């Protein structure tokens, strides 16, 4: 599944994860590079946001 994380430095990362829990852990790993994650979305195959996790 595709996820998009948005960060305090106004950057975003799109990445694959097997489930929501893995996506949350993945978003937190990007915090070293981008600062605090403040949005995490599940995306469809067209990169549309279909669910907000946080």
N, C-alpha and C. Protein backbone atom coordinates (compact mmCIF):
# COMPACT_ATOMS: atom_id res chain seq x y z
N UNK A 1 0.84 -1.17 0.00
CA UNK A 1 0.00 0.00 0.00
C UNK A 1 0.89 1.24 0.00
N UNK A 2 0.40 2.30 -0.60
CA UNK A 2 1.14 3.56 -0.68
C UNK A 2 0.68 4.51 0.42
N UNK A 3 1.65 5.21 0.99
CA UNK A 3 1.37 6.19 2.04
C UNK A 3 2.12 7.48 1.73
N UNK A 4 1.56 8.59 2.21
CA UNK A 4 2.22 9.89 2.09
C UNK A 4 2.32 10.50 3.47
N UNK A 5 3.54 10.88 3.86
CA UNK A 5 3.77 11.56 5.12
C UNK A 5 4.16 13.00 4.84
N UNK A 6 3.60 13.94 5.61
CA UNK A 6 3.94 15.35 5.50
C UNK A 6 4.64 15.78 6.78
N UNK A 7 5.63 16.67 6.64
CA UNK A 7 6.51 17.01 7.75
C UNK A 7 6.57 18.51 8.01
N UNK A 8 7.12 18.87 9.17
CA UNK A 8 7.18 20.27 9.57
C UNK A 8 8.03 21.13 8.64
N UNK A 9 8.96 20.55 7.91
CA UNK A 9 9.76 21.34 6.97
C UNK A 9 9.06 21.53 5.63
N UNK A 10 7.76 21.20 5.58
CA UNK A 10 6.90 21.34 4.41
C UNK A 10 7.26 20.38 3.29
N UNK A 11 8.03 19.35 3.60
CA UNK A 11 8.35 18.29 2.64
C UNK A 11 7.38 17.14 2.84
N UNK A 12 7.35 16.24 1.85
CA UNK A 12 6.54 15.03 1.97
C UNK A 12 7.33 13.85 1.42
N UNK A 13 6.98 12.69 1.89
CA UNK A 13 7.58 11.44 1.42
C UNK A 13 6.44 10.49 1.07
N UNK A 14 6.55 9.83 -0.07
CA UNK A 14 5.61 8.79 -0.47
C UNK A 14 6.37 7.48 -0.42
N UNK A 15 5.79 6.49 0.25
CA UNK A 15 6.50 5.24 0.46
C UNK A 15 5.51 4.08 0.56
N UNK A 16 6.03 2.88 0.39
CA UNK A 16 5.23 1.65 0.51
C UNK A 16 5.33 1.10 1.93
N UNK A 17 4.24 0.52 2.39
CA UNK A 17 4.22 -0.20 3.66
C UNK A 17 3.15 -1.28 3.56
N UNK A 18 3.32 -2.35 4.30
CA UNK A 18 2.38 -3.47 4.25
C UNK A 18 1.09 -3.20 5.01
N UNK A 19 1.14 -2.31 6.02
CA UNK A 19 -0.06 -2.02 6.82
C UNK A 19 0.12 -0.67 7.50
N UNK A 20 -0.92 -0.23 8.21
CA UNK A 20 -0.89 1.09 8.84
C UNK A 20 0.21 1.20 9.90
N UNK A 21 0.39 0.15 10.68
CA UNK A 21 1.41 0.20 11.74
C UNK A 21 2.81 0.38 11.15
N UNK A 22 3.09 -0.35 10.08
CA UNK A 22 4.39 -0.21 9.41
C UNK A 22 4.53 1.19 8.81
N UNK A 23 3.45 1.75 8.30
CA UNK A 23 3.48 3.10 7.72
C UNK A 23 3.80 4.15 8.79
N UNK A 24 3.23 3.99 9.97
CA UNK A 24 3.52 4.94 11.05
C UNK A 24 5.00 4.86 11.42
N UNK A 25 5.53 3.66 11.56
CA UNK A 25 6.95 3.51 11.86
C UNK A 25 7.81 4.11 10.73
N UNK A 26 7.39 3.89 9.49
CA UNK A 26 8.13 4.45 8.35
C UNK A 26 8.13 5.96 8.36
N UNK A 27 7.00 6.56 8.67
CA UNK A 27 6.92 8.03 8.73
C UNK A 27 7.86 8.57 9.81
N UNK A 28 7.89 7.92 10.97
CA UNK A 28 8.76 8.38 12.05
C UNK A 28 10.23 8.28 11.68
N UNK A 29 10.59 7.33 10.83
CA UNK A 29 11.99 7.21 10.40
C UNK A 29 12.43 8.42 9.57
N UNK A 30 11.50 9.01 8.83
CA UNK A 30 11.83 10.19 8.02
C UNK A 30 11.98 11.46 8.87
N UNK A 31 11.57 11.42 10.14
CA UNK A 31 11.64 12.61 10.98
C UNK A 31 13.08 13.10 11.19
N UNK A 32 14.05 12.21 11.13
CA UNK A 32 15.45 12.64 11.28
C UNK A 32 15.84 13.60 10.17
N UNK A 33 15.27 13.38 8.99
CA UNK A 33 15.58 14.22 7.83
C UNK A 33 14.69 15.45 7.71
N UNK A 34 13.41 15.31 8.10
CA UNK A 34 12.42 16.36 7.82
C UNK A 34 11.80 17.02 9.04
N UNK A 35 12.07 16.55 10.23
CA UNK A 35 11.39 17.08 11.41
C UNK A 35 10.12 16.30 11.67
N UNK A 36 9.29 16.81 12.54
CA UNK A 36 8.09 16.11 13.00
C UNK A 36 7.11 15.82 11.87
N UNK A 37 6.62 14.58 11.85
CA UNK A 37 5.56 14.20 10.91
C UNK A 37 4.24 14.68 11.50
N UNK A 38 3.42 15.36 10.69
CA UNK A 38 2.15 15.83 11.21
C UNK A 38 0.95 15.33 10.42
N UNK A 39 1.14 14.71 9.28
CA UNK A 39 0.06 14.08 8.53
C UNK A 39 0.58 12.78 7.92
N UNK A 40 -0.27 11.78 7.94
CA UNK A 40 0.04 10.51 7.27
C UNK A 40 -1.23 10.03 6.60
N UNK A 41 -1.15 9.82 5.28
CA UNK A 41 -2.30 9.44 4.48
C UNK A 41 -2.07 8.12 3.77
N UNK A 42 -3.11 7.33 3.64
CA UNK A 42 -3.14 6.18 2.75
C UNK A 42 -3.53 6.70 1.37
N UNK A 43 -2.82 6.27 0.33
CA UNK A 43 -3.08 6.73 -1.04
C UNK A 43 -3.61 5.58 -1.89
N UNK A 44 -4.39 5.93 -2.91
CA UNK A 44 -4.77 4.92 -3.89
C UNK A 44 -3.72 4.87 -5.00
N UNK A 45 -3.96 4.06 -6.02
CA UNK A 45 -2.96 3.90 -7.09
C UNK A 45 -2.80 5.14 -7.97
N UNK A 46 -3.70 6.12 -7.81
CA UNK A 46 -3.57 7.40 -8.53
C UNK A 46 -3.01 8.49 -7.63
N UNK A 47 -2.51 8.11 -6.45
CA UNK A 47 -1.92 8.99 -5.47
C UNK A 47 -2.94 9.94 -4.84
N UNK A 48 -4.22 9.59 -4.89
CA UNK A 48 -5.24 10.37 -4.19
C UNK A 48 -5.27 9.92 -2.73
N UNK A 49 -5.46 10.88 -1.83
CA UNK A 49 -5.58 10.56 -0.40
C UNK A 49 -6.93 9.90 -0.16
N UNK A 50 -6.92 8.71 0.43
CA UNK A 50 -8.20 8.03 0.68
C UNK A 50 -8.47 7.81 2.16
N UNK A 51 -7.44 7.93 3.00
CA UNK A 51 -7.65 7.80 4.45
C UNK A 51 -6.53 8.55 5.16
N UNK A 52 -6.91 9.28 6.19
CA UNK A 52 -5.91 9.99 7.01
C UNK A 52 -5.68 9.18 8.28
N UNK A 53 -4.43 8.82 8.51
CA UNK A 53 -4.07 8.05 9.71
C UNK A 53 -3.79 8.97 10.88
N UNK A 54 -3.09 10.05 10.64
CA UNK A 54 -2.91 11.13 11.64
C UNK A 54 -2.47 12.37 10.92
